[in-house]
Amino acid sequence: MNTNKESMTIFKNAMANYPTGVSIVTTVDENQTPVGLTVNSFASVSIDPLLVLWSIDRNVSTYEPFSKTDKFAVNILREDQKDIAYLFASKEEDRFAHCTWYKSDNGLPIIQHTIATLQCNLYKQVQAGDHLTLIGEVIDISANDQAPLLYHGRKLGPIPPSFHQE
């Protein structure tokens, strides 16, 4: 299939209709300055070893530090953390000045009060079209049982009430 403007629009609309969770992936640059961005391209890969993946567009401002990193953290957002998701999707230069975070024992910036954080060592990078996919081996996990923030139809929000288990 040739990629043309019409097929790109159809593809984007189809993917926007696929609900996903929302995460902020973080690392540090060569100066140990925290770097992060909002992603919905996060997925589990393997149980043995524990592997996860996510993808980054080569055209975003945070591409260079992530393309050079050997570790990253995936911070899975709670249903009420829409503002933080928008902050890390914005062009704001010092995103970390506007949220609560700390540096972990692994030297990674961790967003506080998320439903889960997976700290990872880089396992592999894969160039795929206009994105770089980073596969990480999970070295530390923290998690709690709260409802996630979802992305669907180009909007962020909680799980609809009809999907909650009773």
N, C-alpha and C. Protein backbone atom coordinates (compact mmCIF):
# COMPACT_ATOMS: atom_id res chain seq x y z
N MET A 1 0.84 -1.18 0.00
CA MET A 1 0.00 0.00 0.00
C MET A 1 0.89 1.24 0.00
N ASN A 2 0.68 2.11 -0.93
CA ASN A 2 1.41 3.37 -0.97
C ASN A 2 0.83 4.31 0.07
N THR A 3 1.73 5.04 0.75
CA THR A 3 1.28 6.01 1.73
C THR A 3 1.01 7.32 1.03
N ASN A 4 -0.26 7.70 0.99
CA ASN A 4 -0.63 9.00 0.44
C ASN A 4 -1.43 9.73 1.51
N LYS A 5 -1.79 10.96 1.23
CA LYS A 5 -2.47 11.79 2.22
C LYS A 5 -3.78 11.14 2.68
N GLU A 6 -4.54 10.57 1.75
CA GLU A 6 -5.81 9.95 2.12
C GLU A 6 -5.60 8.74 3.03
N SER A 7 -4.65 7.88 2.68
CA SER A 7 -4.42 6.70 3.52
C SER A 7 -3.86 7.09 4.88
N MET A 8 -3.04 8.16 4.94
CA MET A 8 -2.54 8.62 6.24
C MET A 8 -3.69 9.12 7.10
N THR A 9 -4.64 9.83 6.53
CA THR A 9 -5.79 10.33 7.28
C THR A 9 -6.64 9.18 7.79
N ILE A 10 -6.90 8.20 6.94
CA ILE A 10 -7.68 7.03 7.35
C ILE A 10 -6.95 6.29 8.47
N PHE A 11 -5.63 6.11 8.33
CA PHE A 11 -4.84 5.43 9.35
C PHE A 11 -4.91 6.18 10.69
N LYS A 12 -4.70 7.50 10.66
CA LYS A 12 -4.75 8.30 11.89
C LYS A 12 -6.12 8.21 12.56
N ASN A 13 -7.18 8.26 11.77
CA ASN A 13 -8.53 8.15 12.33
C ASN A 13 -8.78 6.78 12.93
N ALA A 14 -8.32 5.73 12.26
CA ALA A 14 -8.48 4.37 12.79
C ALA A 14 -7.74 4.21 14.10
N MET A 15 -6.50 4.71 14.17
CA MET A 15 -5.71 4.58 15.39
C MET A 15 -6.27 5.44 16.53
N ALA A 16 -6.85 6.61 16.19
CA ALA A 16 -7.46 7.47 17.21
C ALA A 16 -8.68 6.78 17.83
N ASN A 17 -9.30 5.85 17.10
CA ASN A 17 -10.45 5.13 17.61
C ASN A 17 -10.06 3.90 18.42
N TYR A 18 -8.77 3.65 18.54
CA TYR A 18 -8.26 2.53 19.32
C TYR A 18 -7.85 3.05 20.70
N PRO A 19 -8.57 2.71 21.77
CA PRO A 19 -8.23 3.25 23.08
C PRO A 19 -6.91 2.69 23.61
N THR A 20 -6.12 3.58 24.19
CA THR A 20 -4.85 3.18 24.79
C THR A 20 -4.68 3.87 26.12
N GLY A 21 -3.77 3.35 26.93
CA GLY A 21 -3.39 4.02 28.15
C GLY A 21 -2.46 5.18 27.82
N VAL A 22 -2.21 6.02 28.82
CA VAL A 22 -1.36 7.18 28.63
C VAL A 22 -0.24 7.14 29.66
N SER A 23 0.98 7.33 29.18
CA SER A 23 2.17 7.29 30.03
C SER A 23 3.05 8.50 29.75
N ILE A 24 3.91 8.78 30.70
CA ILE A 24 4.99 9.74 30.48
C ILE A 24 6.28 8.94 30.60
N VAL A 25 7.07 8.98 29.53
CA VAL A 25 8.36 8.29 29.55
C VAL A 25 9.41 9.34 29.89
N THR A 26 10.30 8.98 30.81
CA THR A 26 11.31 9.92 31.29
C THR A 26 12.71 9.32 31.21
N THR A 27 13.69 10.20 31.12
CA THR A 27 15.10 9.83 31.17
C THR A 27 15.86 11.09 31.57
N VAL A 28 17.17 11.04 31.49
CA VAL A 28 18.01 12.22 31.68
C VAL A 28 18.89 12.37 30.46
N ASP A 29 19.25 13.63 30.15
CA ASP A 29 20.15 13.86 29.02
C ASP A 29 21.60 13.76 29.48
N GLU A 30 22.53 14.10 28.60
CA GLU A 30 23.96 13.97 28.92
C GLU A 30 24.40 14.85 30.08
N ASN A 31 23.61 15.89 30.41
CA ASN A 31 23.90 16.76 31.55
C ASN A 31 23.13 16.36 32.80
N GLN A 32 22.47 15.21 32.76
CA GLN A 32 21.63 14.70 33.85
C GLN A 32 20.39 15.56 34.09
N THR A 33 19.98 16.31 33.08
CA THR A 33 18.75 17.10 33.13
C THR A 33 17.58 16.18 32.79
N PRO A 34 16.49 16.22 33.59
CA PRO A 34 15.36 15.34 33.29
C PRO A 34 14.68 15.71 31.97
N VAL A 35 14.26 14.68 31.24
CA VAL A 35 13.59 14.80 29.95
C VAL A 35 12.38 13.87 30.00
N GLY A 36 11.26 14.31 29.43
CA GLY A 36 10.09 13.44 29.40
C GLY A 36 9.10 13.85 28.35
N LEU A 37 8.26 12.89 27.93
CA LEU A 37 7.20 13.17 26.98
C LEU A 37 6.04 12.21 27.20
N THR A 38 4.86 12.66 26.79
CA THR A 38 3.65 11.85 26.88
C THR A 38 3.61 10.88 25.71
N VAL A 39 3.29 9.61 25.99
CA VAL A 39 3.19 8.61 24.94
C VAL A 39 1.94 7.73 25.17
N ASN A 40 1.42 7.22 24.08
CA ASN A 40 0.37 6.21 24.18
C ASN A 40 0.78 4.97 23.36
N SER A 41 2.05 4.93 22.97
CA SER A 41 2.56 3.81 22.17
C SER A 41 3.28 2.79 23.04
N PHE A 42 2.85 2.65 24.28
CA PHE A 42 3.49 1.77 25.25
C PHE A 42 2.83 0.39 25.24
N ALA A 43 3.65 -0.68 25.30
CA ALA A 43 3.10 -2.04 25.33
C ALA A 43 4.06 -2.99 26.02
N SER A 44 3.51 -4.06 26.58
CA SER A 44 4.36 -5.13 27.12
C SER A 44 4.81 -6.01 25.96
N VAL A 45 5.99 -6.62 26.12
CA VAL A 45 6.57 -7.46 25.07
C VAL A 45 6.78 -8.88 25.56
N SER A 46 7.36 -9.02 26.77
CA SER A 46 7.79 -10.34 27.22
C SER A 46 7.74 -10.43 28.75
N ILE A 47 7.49 -11.63 29.24
CA ILE A 47 7.53 -11.89 30.68
C ILE A 47 8.90 -12.40 31.10
N ASP A 48 9.59 -13.12 30.22
CA ASP A 48 10.90 -13.68 30.57
C ASP A 48 11.88 -13.46 29.42
N PRO A 49 12.65 -12.39 29.47
CA PRO A 49 12.75 -11.40 30.54
C PRO A 49 11.59 -10.41 30.47
N LEU A 50 11.42 -9.59 31.53
CA LEU A 50 10.38 -8.56 31.54
C LEU A 50 10.77 -7.46 30.57
N LEU A 51 10.05 -7.36 29.45
CA LEU A 51 10.34 -6.36 28.42
C LEU A 51 9.09 -5.55 28.10
N VAL A 52 9.30 -4.26 27.87
CA VAL A 52 8.26 -3.34 27.41
C VAL A 52 8.81 -2.56 26.22
N LEU A 53 7.90 -1.92 25.47
CA LEU A 53 8.36 -1.06 24.37
C LEU A 53 7.50 0.18 24.27
N TRP A 54 8.08 1.17 23.62
CA TRP A 54 7.36 2.40 23.27
C TRP A 54 8.09 3.02 22.08
N SER A 55 7.41 3.95 21.40
CA SER A 55 7.99 4.56 20.19
C SER A 55 8.00 6.07 20.31
N ILE A 56 9.01 6.68 19.67
CA ILE A 56 9.15 8.12 19.67
C ILE A 56 9.34 8.61 18.23
N ASP A 57 8.63 9.66 17.88
CA ASP A 57 8.73 10.29 16.57
C ASP A 57 10.10 10.97 16.45
N ARG A 58 10.76 10.78 15.33
CA ARG A 58 12.09 11.39 15.13
C ARG A 58 12.05 12.91 15.09
N ASN A 59 10.87 13.50 14.94
CA ASN A 59 10.76 14.95 14.81
C ASN A 59 10.45 15.68 16.12
N VAL A 60 10.29 14.98 17.23
CA VAL A 60 9.98 15.67 18.48
C VAL A 60 11.25 16.20 19.14
N SER A 61 11.07 17.21 19.98
CA SER A 61 12.22 17.89 20.59
C SER A 61 13.01 16.98 21.53
N THR A 62 12.39 15.96 22.08
CA THR A 62 13.08 15.07 23.02
C THR A 62 13.71 13.85 22.36
N TYR A 63 13.68 13.81 21.03
CA TYR A 63 14.19 12.63 20.33
C TYR A 63 15.66 12.35 20.65
N GLU A 64 16.51 13.35 20.58
CA GLU A 64 17.94 13.11 20.74
C GLU A 64 18.30 12.48 22.09
N PRO A 65 17.84 13.03 23.22
CA PRO A 65 18.22 12.37 24.48
C PRO A 65 17.69 10.94 24.60
N PHE A 66 16.48 10.69 24.07
CA PHE A 66 15.96 9.33 24.16
C PHE A 66 16.69 8.39 23.21
N SER A 67 17.15 8.90 22.07
CA SER A 67 17.86 8.04 21.13
C SER A 67 19.25 7.66 21.65
N LYS A 68 19.76 8.42 22.63
CA LYS A 68 21.10 8.17 23.19
C LYS A 68 21.06 7.54 24.58
N THR A 69 19.89 7.38 25.16
CA THR A 69 19.82 6.91 26.53
C THR A 69 20.04 5.41 26.64
N ASP A 70 20.49 4.99 27.81
CA ASP A 70 20.62 3.55 28.09
C ASP A 70 19.62 3.10 29.15
N LYS A 71 18.73 4.05 29.57
CA LYS A 71 17.70 3.70 30.55
C LYS A 71 16.57 4.72 30.46
N PHE A 72 15.39 4.28 30.87
CA PHE A 72 14.21 5.16 30.87
C PHE A 72 13.19 4.62 31.85
N ALA A 73 12.23 5.47 32.21
CA ALA A 73 11.13 5.06 33.09
C ALA A 73 9.82 5.33 32.38
N VAL A 74 8.87 4.41 32.53
CA VAL A 74 7.52 4.58 32.01
C VAL A 74 6.62 4.83 33.21
N ASN A 75 6.01 6.01 33.25
CA ASN A 75 5.12 6.42 34.33
C ASN A 75 3.69 6.35 33.81
N ILE A 76 2.92 5.35 34.24
CA ILE A 76 1.56 5.15 33.75
C ILE A 76 0.61 6.04 34.55
N LEU A 77 -0.13 6.90 33.84
CA LEU A 77 -0.92 7.94 34.49
C LEU A 77 -2.26 7.47 35.02
N ARG A 78 -2.67 8.10 36.14
CA ARG A 78 -4.00 7.90 36.74
C ARG A 78 -5.04 8.66 35.95
N GLU A 79 -6.29 8.28 36.11
CA GLU A 79 -7.38 8.90 35.38
C GLU A 79 -7.51 10.40 35.63
N ASP A 80 -6.99 10.91 36.75
CA ASP A 80 -7.10 12.34 37.06
C ASP A 80 -5.82 13.12 36.73
N GLN A 81 -4.91 12.53 35.95
CA GLN A 81 -3.65 13.19 35.62
C GLN A 81 -3.60 13.72 34.19
N LYS A 82 -4.75 14.13 33.70
CA LYS A 82 -4.84 14.68 32.34
C LYS A 82 -3.94 15.91 32.17
N ASP A 83 -3.88 16.77 33.18
CA ASP A 83 -3.07 17.99 33.08
C ASP A 83 -1.59 17.66 32.89
N ILE A 84 -1.10 16.63 33.59
CA ILE A 84 0.30 16.23 33.45
C ILE A 84 0.55 15.66 32.05
N ALA A 85 -0.42 14.90 31.54
CA ALA A 85 -0.29 14.36 30.18
C ALA A 85 -0.17 15.49 29.17
N TYR A 86 -1.03 16.50 29.30
CA TYR A 86 -0.96 17.66 28.39
C TYR A 86 0.33 18.43 28.58
N LEU A 87 0.80 18.58 29.81
CA LEU A 87 2.06 19.28 30.08
C LEU A 87 3.21 18.62 29.33
N PHE A 88 3.33 17.30 29.43
CA PHE A 88 4.46 16.59 28.80
C PHE A 88 4.26 16.39 27.30
N ALA A 89 3.07 16.74 26.80
CA ALA A 89 2.84 16.74 25.34
C ALA A 89 3.03 18.14 24.76
N SER A 90 3.25 19.12 25.62
CA SER A 90 3.36 20.51 25.18
C SER A 90 4.79 20.85 24.76
N LYS A 91 4.96 22.08 24.32
CA LYS A 91 6.28 22.58 23.94
C LYS A 91 6.98 23.26 25.12
N GLU A 92 6.39 23.17 26.32
CA GLU A 92 6.99 23.73 27.53
C GLU A 92 8.40 23.17 27.68
N GLU A 93 9.38 24.05 27.87
CA GLU A 93 10.76 23.59 27.96
C GLU A 93 11.08 22.90 29.27
N ASP A 94 10.63 23.47 30.41
CA ASP A 94 10.93 22.87 31.70
C ASP A 94 9.67 22.22 32.27
N ARG A 95 9.30 21.10 31.70
CA ARG A 95 8.09 20.40 32.10
C ARG A 95 8.14 19.95 33.55
N PHE A 96 9.33 19.60 34.03
CA PHE A 96 9.46 19.07 35.38
C PHE A 96 9.27 20.15 36.44
N ALA A 97 9.35 21.41 36.07
CA ALA A 97 9.11 22.51 37.02
C ALA A 97 7.63 22.62 37.38
N HIS A 98 6.78 21.95 36.63
CA HIS A 98 5.34 22.08 36.81
C HIS A 98 4.67 20.79 37.29
N CYS A 99 5.45 19.85 37.82
CA CYS A 99 4.87 18.62 38.36
C CYS A 99 5.72 18.14 39.53
N THR A 100 5.19 17.19 40.27
CA THR A 100 5.90 16.62 41.41
C THR A 100 6.65 15.37 40.94
N TRP A 101 7.96 15.36 41.16
CA TRP A 101 8.77 14.24 40.71
C TRP A 101 9.99 14.09 41.63
N TYR A 102 10.69 12.99 41.48
CA TYR A 102 11.94 12.77 42.21
C TYR A 102 12.87 11.94 41.33
N LYS A 103 14.14 11.94 41.67
CA LYS A 103 15.11 11.11 40.95
C LYS A 103 15.27 9.80 41.71
N SER A 104 15.09 8.69 41.02
CA SER A 104 15.15 7.37 41.65
C SER A 104 16.59 6.95 41.94
N ASP A 105 16.73 5.85 42.65
CA ASP A 105 18.07 5.28 42.90
C ASP A 105 18.75 4.88 41.60
N ASN A 106 17.98 4.67 40.54
CA ASN A 106 18.53 4.33 39.22
C ASN A 106 18.87 5.58 38.41
N GLY A 107 18.70 6.76 39.03
CA GLY A 107 19.04 8.01 38.35
C GLY A 107 18.01 8.49 37.36
N LEU A 108 16.78 7.97 37.47
CA LEU A 108 15.72 8.33 36.52
C LEU A 108 14.69 9.26 37.17
N PRO A 109 14.18 10.24 36.41
CA PRO A 109 13.12 11.09 36.93
C PRO A 109 11.81 10.29 36.98
N ILE A 110 11.16 10.31 38.15
CA ILE A 110 9.93 9.56 38.37
C ILE A 110 8.82 10.54 38.71
N ILE A 111 7.73 10.49 37.97
CA ILE A 111 6.56 11.32 38.22
C ILE A 111 5.82 10.71 39.42
N GLN A 112 5.52 11.54 40.42
CA GLN A 112 4.85 11.01 41.61
C GLN A 112 3.36 10.80 41.39
N HIS A 113 2.81 9.87 42.17
CA HIS A 113 1.38 9.60 42.25
C HIS A 113 0.79 8.98 40.99
N THR A 114 1.60 8.30 40.18
CA THR A 114 1.08 7.58 39.02
C THR A 114 0.59 6.20 39.48
N ILE A 115 -0.09 5.47 38.60
CA ILE A 115 -0.58 4.15 39.00
C ILE A 115 0.51 3.09 38.91
N ALA A 116 1.53 3.36 38.10
CA ALA A 116 2.65 2.43 38.01
C ALA A 116 3.85 3.14 37.40
N THR A 117 5.04 2.69 37.80
CA THR A 117 6.27 3.16 37.20
C THR A 117 7.15 1.95 36.94
N LEU A 118 7.61 1.84 35.70
CA LEU A 118 8.51 0.76 35.31
C LEU A 118 9.84 1.39 34.90
N GLN A 119 10.88 1.13 35.68
CA GLN A 119 12.21 1.63 35.33
C GLN A 119 12.91 0.56 34.51
N CYS A 120 13.53 0.98 33.41
CA CYS A 120 14.06 0.03 32.44
C CYS A 120 15.48 0.36 32.02
N ASN A 121 16.26 -0.68 31.78
CA ASN A 121 17.51 -0.55 31.03
C ASN A 121 17.18 -0.79 29.57
N LEU A 122 17.83 -0.03 28.70
CA LEU A 122 17.60 -0.22 27.27
C LEU A 122 18.01 -1.63 26.87
N TYR A 123 17.13 -2.33 26.22
CA TYR A 123 17.38 -3.69 25.73
C TYR A 123 17.73 -3.66 24.26
N LYS A 124 16.98 -2.83 23.50
CA LYS A 124 17.21 -2.75 22.06
C LYS A 124 16.49 -1.53 21.50
N GLN A 125 17.06 -0.96 20.43
CA GLN A 125 16.40 0.10 19.66
C GLN A 125 16.13 -0.44 18.25
N VAL A 126 14.96 -0.06 17.71
CA VAL A 126 14.60 -0.49 16.36
C VAL A 126 14.10 0.73 15.60
N GLN A 127 14.75 1.06 14.48
CA GLN A 127 14.27 2.12 13.60
C GLN A 127 13.07 1.56 12.84
N ALA A 128 11.96 2.29 12.88
CA ALA A 128 10.75 1.83 12.20
C ALA A 128 10.04 3.02 11.58
N GLY A 129 10.22 3.21 10.28
CA GLY A 129 9.60 4.34 9.60
C GLY A 129 10.10 5.65 10.18
N ASP A 130 9.17 6.54 10.54
CA ASP A 130 9.55 7.83 11.09
C ASP A 130 9.66 7.82 12.62
N HIS A 131 9.70 6.63 13.20
CA HIS A 131 9.81 6.47 14.65
C HIS A 131 11.00 5.59 15.04
N LEU A 132 11.40 5.74 16.28
CA LEU A 132 12.38 4.86 16.90
C LEU A 132 11.64 4.12 18.00
N THR A 133 11.71 2.80 17.99
CA THR A 133 11.09 1.99 19.03
C THR A 133 12.16 1.60 20.03
N LEU A 134 11.90 1.88 21.30
CA LEU A 134 12.82 1.52 22.37
C LEU A 134 12.22 0.37 23.16
N ILE A 135 12.97 -0.70 23.27
CA ILE A 135 12.57 -1.86 24.06
C ILE A 135 13.40 -1.81 25.34
N GLY A 136 12.72 -1.90 26.48
CA GLY A 136 13.42 -1.83 27.75
C GLY A 136 13.21 -3.07 28.59
N GLU A 137 14.26 -3.44 29.32
CA GLU A 137 14.14 -4.53 30.29
C GLU A 137 13.83 -3.91 31.64
N VAL A 138 12.71 -4.31 32.21
CA VAL A 138 12.25 -3.73 33.47
C VAL A 138 13.17 -4.17 34.60
N ILE A 139 13.71 -3.18 35.33
CA ILE A 139 14.62 -3.47 36.46
C ILE A 139 14.00 -3.08 37.79
N ASP A 140 12.91 -2.31 37.77
CA ASP A 140 12.24 -1.91 39.01
C ASP A 140 10.80 -1.56 38.67
N ILE A 141 9.87 -2.00 39.51
CA ILE A 141 8.44 -1.73 39.29
C ILE A 141 7.81 -1.26 40.59
N SER A 142 6.98 -0.23 40.48
CA SER A 142 6.08 0.13 41.58
C SER A 142 4.70 0.28 40.95
N ALA A 143 3.67 -0.19 41.68
CA ALA A 143 2.32 -0.13 41.12
C ALA A 143 1.29 -0.12 42.23
N ASN A 144 0.14 0.45 41.93
CA ASN A 144 -1.00 0.40 42.85
C ASN A 144 -2.26 0.23 42.01
N ASP A 145 -3.36 0.00 42.69
CA ASP A 145 -4.61 -0.33 42.00
C ASP A 145 -5.49 0.91 41.89
N GLN A 146 -5.24 1.71 40.86
CA GLN A 146 -6.06 2.88 40.59
C GLN A 146 -6.47 2.85 39.12
N ALA A 147 -7.46 3.63 38.77
CA ALA A 147 -7.95 3.66 37.39
C ALA A 147 -7.00 4.46 36.50
N PRO A 148 -6.78 4.01 35.26
CA PRO A 148 -5.84 4.67 34.35
C PRO A 148 -6.48 5.80 33.55
N LEU A 149 -5.62 6.66 33.04
CA LEU A 149 -6.01 7.67 32.07
C LEU A 149 -5.98 7.02 30.69
N LEU A 150 -7.02 7.24 29.89
CA LEU A 150 -7.09 6.66 28.56
C LEU A 150 -7.06 7.73 27.47
N TYR A 151 -6.58 7.32 26.29
CA TYR A 151 -6.61 8.16 25.10
C TYR A 151 -7.52 7.47 24.10
N HIS A 152 -8.56 8.19 23.65
CA HIS A 152 -9.48 7.64 22.67
C HIS A 152 -10.15 8.79 21.93
N GLY A 153 -10.25 8.68 20.63
CA GLY A 153 -10.90 9.72 19.84
C GLY A 153 -10.23 11.08 19.97
N ARG A 154 -8.91 11.05 20.11
CA ARG A 154 -8.10 12.27 20.28
C ARG A 154 -8.43 13.03 21.56
N LYS A 155 -8.97 12.32 22.55
CA LYS A 155 -9.30 12.92 23.84
C LYS A 155 -8.73 12.07 24.95
N LEU A 156 -8.45 12.71 26.08
CA LEU A 156 -7.98 12.02 27.28
C LEU A 156 -9.13 11.95 28.28
N GLY A 157 -9.22 10.81 28.99
CA GLY A 157 -10.26 10.70 29.99
C GLY A 157 -10.20 9.39 30.74
N PRO A 158 -11.12 9.23 31.71
CA PRO A 158 -11.16 8.00 32.51
C PRO A 158 -11.86 6.87 31.77
N ILE A 159 -11.81 5.69 32.35
CA ILE A 159 -12.57 4.56 31.83
C ILE A 159 -14.05 4.90 31.98
N PRO A 160 -14.86 4.72 30.94
CA PRO A 160 -16.30 5.02 31.07
C PRO A 160 -16.94 4.15 32.17
N PRO A 161 -17.91 4.71 32.88
CA PRO A 161 -18.54 3.97 33.99
C PRO A 161 -19.09 2.60 33.58
N SER A 162 -19.54 2.44 32.36
CA SER A 162 -20.11 1.17 31.93
C SER A 162 -19.07 0.05 31.87
N PHE A 163 -17.77 0.40 31.90
CA PHE A 163 -16.72 -0.61 31.83
C PHE A 163 -16.20 -1.02 33.21
N HIS A 164 -16.59 -0.30 34.24
CA HIS A 164 -16.12 -0.64 35.60
C HIS A 164 -16.75 -1.94 36.06
N GLN A 165 -15.92 -2.78 36.69
CA GLN A 165 -16.43 -4.03 37.22
C GLN A 165 -17.15 -3.75 38.54
N GLU A 166 -18.13 -4.56 38.82
CA GLU A 166 -18.91 -4.37 40.06
C GLU A 166 -18.49 -5.38 41.10
